[in-house]
Amino acid sequence: MKSAKMSLVVGQAYKKFLDNLEKPIEFGKARQMKEPNYTKLRELIRTPKFMGNQTFKAFAERAEDIGISMNAYNMVHEGFWDIYWMKPF
């Protein structure tokens, strides 16, 4: 069974990061990413000013104001990226 594609807006810093890897990764294609690149990517996706989606940026900046702890927000947000990038556990 095929599922619908999910769209997610990312910032220019994300694409630039992928393009500047030793082995560049085509935008929209995922593969396992090794350290230290994955840690650098996590820092990038955790930083609100680099987020391309204004809603996620607002959540990242004001999660506590709407009743979501920053730890919970980061766990869910980064967990999504762990799954997308096939992060081994």
PDB file of N, CA and C in Angstrom:
ATOM      1  N   MET A   1       0.845  -1.166   0.000  1.00  0.00           N
ATOM      2  CA  MET A   1       0.000   0.000   0.000  1.00  0.00           C
ATOM      3  C   MET A   1       0.893   1.233   0.000  1.00  0.00           C
ATOM      4  N   LYS A   2       0.582   2.177  -0.821  1.00  0.00           N
ATOM      5  CA  LYS A   2       1.385   3.381  -0.943  1.00  0.00           C
ATOM      6  C   LYS A   2       0.735   4.509  -0.143  1.00  0.00           C
ATOM      7  N   SER A   3       1.567   5.276   0.560  1.00  0.00           N
ATOM      8  CA  SER A   3       1.034   6.398   1.331  1.00  0.00           C
ATOM      9  C   SER A   3       1.329   7.709   0.605  1.00  0.00           C
ATOM     10  N   ALA A   4       0.598   8.723   0.980  1.00  0.00           N
ATOM     11  CA  ALA A   4       0.794  10.046   0.377  1.00  0.00           C
ATOM     12  C   ALA A   4       2.119  10.627   0.841  1.00  0.00           C
ATOM     13  N   LYS A   5       2.732  11.421  -0.006  1.00  0.00           N
ATOM     14  CA  LYS A   5       3.984  12.077   0.358  1.00  0.00           C
ATOM     15  C   LYS A   5       3.703  13.221   1.319  1.00  0.00           C
ATOM     16  N   MET A   6       4.619  13.410   2.238  1.00  0.00           N
ATOM     17  CA  MET A   6       4.489  14.497   3.195  1.00  0.00           C
ATOM     18  C   MET A   6       5.416  15.624   2.763  1.00  0.00           C
ATOM     19  N   SER A   7       4.917  16.826   2.740  1.00  0.00           N
ATOM     20  CA  SER A   7       5.736  17.984   2.395  1.00  0.00           C
ATOM     21  C   SER A   7       6.198  18.669   3.665  1.00  0.00           C
ATOM     22  N   LEU A   8       7.437  19.107   3.669  1.00  0.00           N
ATOM     23  CA  LEU A   8       7.981  19.833   4.802  1.00  0.00           C
ATOM     24  C   LEU A   8       8.894  20.923   4.253  1.00  0.00           C
ATOM     25  N   VAL A   9       8.690  22.131   4.712  1.00  0.00           N
ATOM     26  CA  VAL A   9       9.503  23.251   4.273  1.00  0.00           C
ATOM     27  C   VAL A   9      10.729  23.334   5.178  1.00  0.00           C
ATOM     28  N   VAL A  10      11.893  23.360   4.572  1.00  0.00           N
ATOM     29  CA  VAL A  10      13.141  23.494   5.330  1.00  0.00           C
ATOM     30  C   VAL A  10      13.839  24.772   4.892  1.00  0.00           C
ATOM     31  N   GLY A  11      14.755  25.242   5.701  1.00  0.00           N
ATOM     32  CA  GLY A  11      15.482  26.466   5.393  1.00  0.00           C
ATOM     33  C   GLY A  11      16.609  26.237   4.404  1.00  0.00           C
ATOM     34  N   GLN A  12      17.110  27.330   3.859  1.00  0.00           N
ATOM     35  CA  GLN A  12      18.219  27.269   2.909  1.00  0.00           C
ATOM     36  C   GLN A  12      19.474  26.667   3.542  1.00  0.00           C
ATOM     37  N   ALA A  13      19.668  26.861   4.848  1.00  0.00           N
ATOM     38  CA  ALA A  13      20.845  26.324   5.536  1.00  0.00           C
ATOM     39  C   ALA A  13      20.864  24.800   5.467  1.00  0.00           C
ATOM     40  N   TYR A  14      19.688  24.185   5.489  1.00  0.00           N
ATOM     41  CA  TYR A  14      19.573  22.726   5.397  1.00  0.00           C
ATOM     42  C   TYR A  14      20.087  22.239   4.048  1.00  0.00           C
ATOM     43  N   LYS A  15      19.615  22.864   2.974  1.00  0.00           N
ATOM     44  CA  LYS A  15      20.066  22.475   1.625  1.00  0.00           C
ATOM     45  C   LYS A  15      21.554  22.738   1.460  1.00  0.00           C
ATOM     46  N   LYS A  16      22.009  23.866   1.943  1.00  0.00           N
ATOM     47  CA  LYS A  16      23.436  24.196   1.857  1.00  0.00           C
ATOM     48  C   LYS A  16      24.277  23.154   2.594  1.00  0.00           C
ATOM     49  N   PHE A  17      23.801  22.723   3.768  1.00  0.00           N
ATOM     50  CA  PHE A  17      24.500  21.696   4.531  1.00  0.00           C
ATOM     51  C   PHE A  17      24.640  20.415   3.710  1.00  0.00           C
ATOM     52  N   LEU A  18      23.532  19.959   3.098  1.00  0.00           N
ATOM     53  CA  LEU A  18      23.560  18.735   2.293  1.00  0.00           C
ATOM     54  C   LEU A  18      24.493  18.868   1.094  1.00  0.00           C
ATOM     55  N   ASP A  19      24.470  20.035   0.460  1.00  0.00           N
ATOM     56  CA  ASP A  19      25.309  20.273  -0.721  1.00  0.00           C
ATOM     57  C   ASP A  19      26.796  20.321  -0.379  1.00  0.00           C
ATOM     58  N   ASN A  20      27.126  20.718   0.849  1.00  0.00           N
ATOM     59  CA  ASN A  20      28.528  20.894   1.227  1.00  0.00           C
ATOM     60  C   ASN A  20      29.144  19.696   1.941  1.00  0.00           C
ATOM     61  N   LEU A  21      28.420  18.591   2.024  1.00  0.00           N
ATOM     62  CA  LEU A  21      28.996  17.384   2.612  1.00  0.00           C
ATOM     63  C   LEU A  21      30.086  16.836   1.696  1.00  0.00           C
ATOM     64  N   GLU A  22      30.984  16.040   2.262  1.00  0.00           N
ATOM     65  CA  GLU A  22      32.043  15.429   1.453  1.00  0.00           C
ATOM     66  C   GLU A  22      31.434  14.638   0.295  1.00  0.00           C
ATOM     67  N   LYS A  23      30.365  13.894   0.592  1.00  0.00           N
ATOM     68  CA  LYS A  23      29.572  13.221  -0.439  1.00  0.00           C
ATOM     69  C   LYS A  23      28.200  13.875  -0.397  1.00  0.00           C
ATOM     70  N   PRO A  24      27.965  14.911  -1.219  1.00  0.00           N
ATOM     71  CA  PRO A  24      26.696  15.644  -1.169  1.00  0.00           C
ATOM     72  C   PRO A  24      25.493  14.704  -1.298  1.00  0.00           C
ATOM     73  N   ILE A  25      24.430  15.083  -0.608  1.00  0.00           N
ATOM     74  CA  ILE A  25      23.191  14.317  -0.649  1.00  0.00           C
ATOM     75  C   ILE A  25      22.171  15.131  -1.432  1.00  0.00           C
ATOM     76  N   GLU A  26      21.557  14.486  -2.420  1.00  0.00           N
ATOM     77  CA  GLU A  26      20.544  15.162  -3.224  1.00  0.00           C
ATOM     78  C   GLU A  26      19.369  15.559  -2.336  1.00  0.00           C
ATOM     79  N   PHE A  27      18.912  16.788  -2.490  1.00  0.00           N
ATOM     80  CA  PHE A  27      17.788  17.291  -1.700  1.00  0.00           C
ATOM     81  C   PHE A  27      16.568  16.410  -1.929  1.00  0.00           C
ATOM     82  N   GLY A  28      15.924  15.996  -0.857  1.00  0.00           N
ATOM     83  CA  GLY A  28      14.744  15.150  -0.948  1.00  0.00           C
ATOM     84  C   GLY A  28      15.060  13.664  -0.928  1.00  0.00           C
ATOM     85  N   LYS A  29      16.329  13.306  -0.894  1.00  0.00           N
ATOM     86  CA  LYS A  29      16.750  11.906  -0.817  1.00  0.00           C
ATOM     87  C   LYS A  29      17.419  11.695   0.528  1.00  0.00           C
ATOM     88  N   ALA A  30      17.077  10.620   1.182  1.00  0.00           N
ATOM     89  CA  ALA A  30      17.656  10.345   2.500  1.00  0.00           C
ATOM     90  C   ALA A  30      18.527   9.098   2.435  1.00  0.00           C
ATOM     91  N   ARG A  31      19.531   9.073   3.253  1.00  0.00           N
ATOM     92  CA  ARG A  31      20.355   7.895   3.459  1.00  0.00           C
ATOM     93  C   ARG A  31      20.943   8.028   4.856  1.00  0.00           C
ATOM     94  N   GLN A  32      21.561   6.993   5.328  1.00  0.00           N
ATOM     95  CA  GLN A  32      22.155   7.096   6.656  1.00  0.00           C
ATOM     96  C   GLN A  32      23.277   8.118   6.631  1.00  0.00           C
ATOM     97  N   MET A  33      23.310   8.938   7.663  1.00  0.00           N
ATOM     98  CA  MET A  33      24.337   9.967   7.788  1.00  0.00           C
ATOM     99  C   MET A  33      25.193   9.622   9.004  1.00  0.00           C
ATOM    100  N   LYS A  34      26.493   9.648   8.822  1.00  0.00           N
ATOM    101  CA  LYS A  34      27.414   9.285   9.895  1.00  0.00           C
ATOM    102  C   LYS A  34      27.853  10.508  10.684  1.00  0.00           C
ATOM    103  N   GLU A  35      28.409  10.236  11.851  1.00  0.00           N
ATOM    104  CA  GLU A  35      28.993  11.288  12.683  1.00  0.00           C
ATOM    105  C   GLU A  35      30.287  11.763  12.045  1.00  0.00           C
ATOM    106  N   PRO A  36      30.711  12.987  12.226  1.00  0.00           N
ATOM    107  CA  PRO A  36      30.091  14.046  13.012  1.00  0.00           C
ATOM    108  C   PRO A  36      29.025  14.825  12.249  1.00  0.00           C
ATOM    109  N   ASN A  37      28.763  14.430  10.999  1.00  0.00           N
ATOM    110  CA  ASN A  37      27.790  15.165  10.188  1.00  0.00           C
ATOM    111  C   ASN A  37      26.391  15.153  10.792  1.00  0.00           C
ATOM    112  N   TYR A  38      25.986  14.014  11.379  1.00  0.00           N
ATOM    113  CA  TYR A  38      24.635  13.960  11.926  1.00  0.00           C
ATOM    114  C   TYR A  38      24.478  14.920  13.101  1.00  0.00           C
ATOM    115  N   THR A  39      25.487  15.016  13.943  1.00  0.00           N
ATOM    116  CA  THR A  39      25.428  15.949  15.067  1.00  0.00           C
ATOM    117  C   THR A  39      25.337  17.384  14.559  1.00  0.00           C
ATOM    118  N   LYS A  40      26.069  17.705  13.507  1.00  0.00           N
ATOM    119  CA  LYS A  40      26.001  19.046  12.909  1.00  0.00           C
ATOM    120  C   LYS A  40      24.608  19.309  12.339  1.00  0.00           C
ATOM    121  N   LEU A  41      24.030  18.294  11.690  1.00  0.00           N
ATOM    122  CA  LEU A  41      22.680  18.439  11.151  1.00  0.00           C
ATOM    123  C   LEU A  41      21.672  18.679  12.271  1.00  0.00           C
ATOM    124  N   ARG A  42      21.798  17.945  13.374  1.00  0.00           N
ATOM    125  CA  ARG A  42      20.883  18.134  14.511  1.00  0.00           C
ATOM    126  C   ARG A  42      20.978  19.554  15.064  1.00  0.00           C
ATOM    127  N   GLU A  43      22.175  20.087  15.148  1.00  0.00           N
ATOM    128  CA  GLU A  43      22.331  21.475  15.611  1.00  0.00           C
ATOM    129  C   GLU A  43      21.621  22.428  14.667  1.00  0.00           C
ATOM    130  N   LEU A  44      21.727  22.174  13.391  1.00  0.00           N
ATOM    131  CA  LEU A  44      21.086  23.020  12.390  1.00  0.00           C
ATOM    132  C   LEU A  44      19.562  22.959  12.500  1.00  0.00           C
ATOM    133  N   ILE A  45      18.997  21.753  12.581  1.00  0.00           N
ATOM    134  CA  ILE A  45      17.537  21.634  12.616  1.00  0.00           C
ATOM    135  C   ILE A  45      16.949  22.078  13.944  1.00  0.00           C
ATOM    136  N   ARG A  46      17.770  22.161  14.997  1.00  0.00           N
ATOM    137  CA  ARG A  46      17.292  22.607  16.305  1.00  0.00           C
ATOM    138  C   ARG A  46      17.280  24.132  16.423  1.00  0.00           C
ATOM    139  N   THR A  47      17.983  24.830  15.542  1.00  0.00           N
ATOM    140  CA  THR A  47      18.125  26.281  15.630  1.00  0.00           C
ATOM    141  C   THR A  47      16.985  26.970  14.880  1.00  0.00           C
ATOM    142  N   PRO A  48      16.108  27.686  15.610  1.00  0.00           N
ATOM    143  CA  PRO A  48      14.937  28.299  14.968  1.00  0.00           C
ATOM    144  C   PRO A  48      15.260  29.206  13.780  1.00  0.00           C
ATOM    145  N   LYS A  49      16.343  29.962  13.832  1.00  0.00           N
ATOM    146  CA  LYS A  49      16.614  30.897  12.727  1.00  0.00           C
ATOM    147  C   LYS A  49      16.905  30.180  11.406  1.00  0.00           C
ATOM    148  N   PHE A  50      17.209  28.884  11.444  1.00  0.00           N
ATOM    149  CA  PHE A  50      17.480  28.126  10.227  1.00  0.00           C
ATOM    150  C   PHE A  50      16.271  27.344   9.729  1.00  0.00           C
ATOM    151  N   MET A  51      15.146  27.427  10.434  1.00  0.00           N
ATOM    152  CA  MET A  51      13.950  26.690  10.045  1.00  0.00           C
ATOM    153  C   MET A  51      13.238  27.422   8.912  1.00  0.00           C
ATOM    154  N   GLY A  52      12.851  26.690   7.894  1.00  0.00           N
ATOM    155  CA  GLY A  52      12.162  27.294   6.756  1.00  0.00           C
ATOM    156  C   GLY A  52      10.671  27.421   6.975  1.00  0.00           C
ATOM    157  N   ASN A  53      10.131  26.692   7.934  1.00  0.00           N
ATOM    158  CA  ASN A  53       8.709  26.707   8.211  1.00  0.00           C
ATOM    159  C   ASN A  53       8.449  27.613   9.406  1.00  0.00           C
ATOM    160  N   GLN A  54       7.657  28.652   9.200  1.00  0.00           N
ATOM    161  CA  GLN A  54       7.401  29.633  10.256  1.00  0.00           C
ATOM    162  C   GLN A  54       6.643  29.042  11.445  1.00  0.00           C
ATOM    163  N   THR A  55       5.809  28.045  11.203  1.00  0.00           N
ATOM    164  CA  THR A  55       5.075  27.409  12.296  1.00  0.00           C
ATOM    165  C   THR A  55       6.038  26.653  13.202  1.00  0.00           C
ATOM    166  N   PHE A  56       6.924  25.852  12.607  1.00  0.00           N
ATOM    167  CA  PHE A  56       7.907  25.129  13.417  1.00  0.00           C
ATOM    168  C   PHE A  56       8.841  26.095  14.129  1.00  0.00           C
ATOM    169  N   LYS A  57       9.176  27.178  13.467  1.00  0.00           N
ATOM    170  CA  LYS A  57      10.027  28.196  14.094  1.00  0.00           C
ATOM    171  C   LYS A  57       9.329  28.770  15.331  1.00  0.00           C
ATOM    172  N   ALA A  58       8.042  29.086  15.199  1.00  0.00           N
ATOM    173  CA  ALA A  58       7.290  29.625  16.338  1.00  0.00           C
ATOM    174  C   ALA A  58       7.196  28.602  17.464  1.00  0.00           C
ATOM    175  N   PHE A  59       6.941  27.338  17.135  1.00  0.00           N
ATOM    176  CA  PHE A  59       6.923  26.293  18.164  1.00  0.00           C
ATOM    177  C   PHE A  59       8.266  26.199  18.870  1.00  0.00           C
ATOM    178  N   ALA A  60       9.332  26.210  18.095  1.00  0.00           N
ATOM    179  CA  ALA A  60      10.678  26.079  18.673  1.00  0.00           C
ATOM    180  C   ALA A  60      11.014  27.255  19.583  1.00  0.00           C
ATOM    181  N   GLU A  61      10.540  28.421  19.232  1.00  0.00           N
ATOM    182  CA  GLU A  61      10.844  29.613  20.026  1.00  0.00           C
ATOM    183  C   GLU A  61       9.910  29.779  21.224  1.00  0.00           C
ATOM    184  N   ARG A  62       8.654  29.289  21.090  1.00  0.00           N
ATOM    185  CA  ARG A  62       7.653  29.575  22.125  1.00  0.00           C
ATOM    186  C   ARG A  62       6.926  28.352  22.645  1.00  0.00           C
ATOM    187  N   ALA A  63       7.542  27.199  22.578  1.00  0.00           N
ATOM    188  CA  ALA A  63       6.877  25.966  23.009  1.00  0.00           C
ATOM    189  C   ALA A  63       6.380  26.068  24.449  1.00  0.00           C
ATOM    190  N   GLU A  64       7.215  26.583  25.329  1.00  0.00           N
ATOM    191  CA  GLU A  64       6.839  26.696  26.747  1.00  0.00           C
ATOM    192  C   GLU A  64       5.596  27.593  26.919  1.00  0.00           C
ATOM    193  N   ASP A  65       5.477  28.635  26.108  1.00  0.00           N
ATOM    194  CA  ASP A  65       4.338  29.563  26.209  1.00  0.00           C
ATOM    195  C   ASP A  65       3.002  28.901  25.888  1.00  0.00           C
ATOM    196  N   ILE A  66       3.038  27.855  25.066  1.00  0.00           N
ATOM    197  CA  ILE A  66       1.784  27.175  24.709  1.00  0.00           C
ATOM    198  C   ILE A  66       1.617  25.854  25.452  1.00  0.00           C
ATOM    199  N   GLY A  67       2.473  25.623  26.453  1.00  0.00           N
ATOM    200  CA  GLY A  67       2.312  24.458  27.317  1.00  0.00           C
ATOM    201  C   GLY A  67       3.058  23.212  26.898  1.00  0.00           C
ATOM    202  N   ILE A  68       4.030  23.342  26.000  1.00  0.00           N
ATOM    203  CA  ILE A  68       4.847  22.198  25.585  1.00  0.00           C
ATOM    204  C   ILE A  68       6.259  22.441  26.105  1.00  0.00           C
ATOM    205  N   SER A  69       6.793  21.494  26.856  1.00  0.00           N
ATOM    206  CA  SER A  69       8.160  21.701  27.344  1.00  0.00           C
ATOM    207  C   SER A  69       9.129  21.661  26.160  1.00  0.00           C
ATOM    208  N   MET A  70      10.192  22.421  26.246  1.00  0.00           N
ATOM    209  CA  MET A  70      11.190  22.440  25.162  1.00  0.00           C
ATOM    210  C   MET A  70      11.776  21.054  24.949  1.00  0.00           C
ATOM    211  N   ASN A  71      11.978  20.311  26.029  1.00  0.00           N
ATOM    212  CA  ASN A  71      12.518  18.954  25.884  1.00  0.00           C
ATOM    213  C   ASN A  71      11.566  18.073  25.082  1.00  0.00           C
ATOM    214  N   ALA A  72      10.267  18.166  25.355  1.00  0.00           N
ATOM    215  CA  ALA A  72       9.287  17.373  24.610  1.00  0.00           C
ATOM    216  C   ALA A  72       9.256  17.798  23.146  1.00  0.00           C
ATOM    217  N   TYR A  73       9.259  19.110  22.906  1.00  0.00           N
ATOM    218  CA  TYR A  73       9.247  19.591  21.520  1.00  0.00           C
ATOM    219  C   TYR A  73      10.473  19.076  20.763  1.00  0.00           C
ATOM    220  N   ASN A  74      11.661  19.238  21.369  1.00  0.00           N
ATOM    221  CA  ASN A  74      12.887  18.802  20.705  1.00  0.00           C
ATOM    222  C   ASN A  74      12.905  17.295  20.497  1.00  0.00           C
ATOM    223  N   MET A  75      12.387  16.532  21.442  1.00  0.00           N
ATOM    224  CA  MET A  75      12.363  15.079  21.308  1.00  0.00           C
ATOM    225  C   MET A  75      11.515  14.669  20.100  1.00  0.00           C
ATOM    226  N   VAL A  76      10.350  15.273  19.943  1.00  0.00           N
ATOM    227  CA  VAL A  76       9.473  14.941  18.816  1.00  0.00           C
ATOM    228  C   VAL A  76      10.071  15.435  17.497  1.00  0.00           C
ATOM    229  N   HIS A  77      10.509  16.694  17.476  1.00  0.00           N
ATOM    230  CA  HIS A  77      11.063  17.282  16.250  1.00  0.00           C
ATOM    231  C   HIS A  77      12.306  16.524  15.791  1.00  0.00           C
ATOM    232  N   GLU A  78      13.240  16.293  16.698  1.00  0.00           N
ATOM    233  CA  GLU A  78      14.467  15.588  16.331  1.00  0.00           C
ATOM    234  C   GLU A  78      14.198  14.109  16.076  1.00  0.00           C
ATOM    235  N   GLY A  79      13.196  13.549  16.764  1.00  0.00           N
ATOM    236  CA  GLY A  79      12.831  12.159  16.504  1.00  0.00           C
ATOM    237  C   GLY A  79      12.357  11.959  15.076  1.00  0.00           C
ATOM    238  N   PHE A  80      11.602  12.933  14.565  1.00  0.00           N
ATOM    239  CA  PHE A  80      11.191  12.861  13.162  1.00  0.00           C
ATOM    240  C   PHE A  80      12.412  12.775  12.258  1.00  0.00           C
ATOM    241  N   TRP A  81      13.397  13.644  12.499  1.00  0.00           N
ATOM    242  CA  TRP A  81      14.591  13.660  11.658  1.00  0.00           C
ATOM    243  C   TRP A  81      15.426  12.392  11.844  1.00  0.00           C
ATOM    244  N   ASP A  82      15.428  11.827  13.046  1.00  0.00           N
ATOM    245  CA  ASP A  82      16.128  10.556  13.262  1.00  0.00           C
ATOM    246  C   ASP A  82      15.526   9.470  12.375  1.00  0.00           C
ATOM    247  N   ILE A  83      14.205   9.443  12.290  1.00  0.00           N
ATOM    248  CA  ILE A  83      13.539   8.448  11.442  1.00  0.00           C
ATOM    249  C   ILE A  83      13.826   8.745   9.971  1.00  0.00           C
ATOM    250  N   TYR A  84      13.697  10.010   9.575  1.00  0.00           N
ATOM    251  CA  TYR A  84      13.927  10.387   8.170  1.00  0.00           C
ATOM    252  C   TYR A  84      15.325  10.020   7.713  1.00  0.00           C
ATOM    253  N   TRP A  85      16.325  10.276   8.561  1.00  0.00           N
ATOM    254  CA  TRP A  85      17.714  10.007   8.191  1.00  0.00           C
ATOM    255  C   TRP A  85      18.173   8.613   8.607  1.00  0.00           C
ATOM    256  N   MET A  86      17.221   7.757   9.021  1.00  0.00           N
ATOM    257  CA  MET A  86      17.522   6.356   9.351  1.00  0.00           C
ATOM    258  C   MET A  86      18.644   6.248  10.376  1.00  0.00           C
ATOM    259  N   LYS A  87      18.555   7.079  11.410  1.00  0.00           N
ATOM    260  CA  LYS A  87      19.571   7.102  12.462  1.00  0.00           C
ATOM    261  C   LYS A  87      19.564   5.762  13.189  1.00  0.00           C
ATOM    262  N   PRO A  88      20.699   5.055  13.212  1.00  0.00           N
ATOM    263  CA  PRO A  88      20.741   3.805  13.978  1.00  0.00           C
ATOM    264  C   PRO A  88      20.714   4.095  15.465  1.00  0.00           C
ATOM    265  N   PHE A  89      20.022   3.283  16.232  1.00  0.00           N
ATOM    266  CA  PHE A  89      19.906   3.503  17.668  1.00  0.00           C
ATOM    267  C   PHE A  89      20.785   2.583  18.443  1.00  0.00           C
TER     268      PHE A  89
END
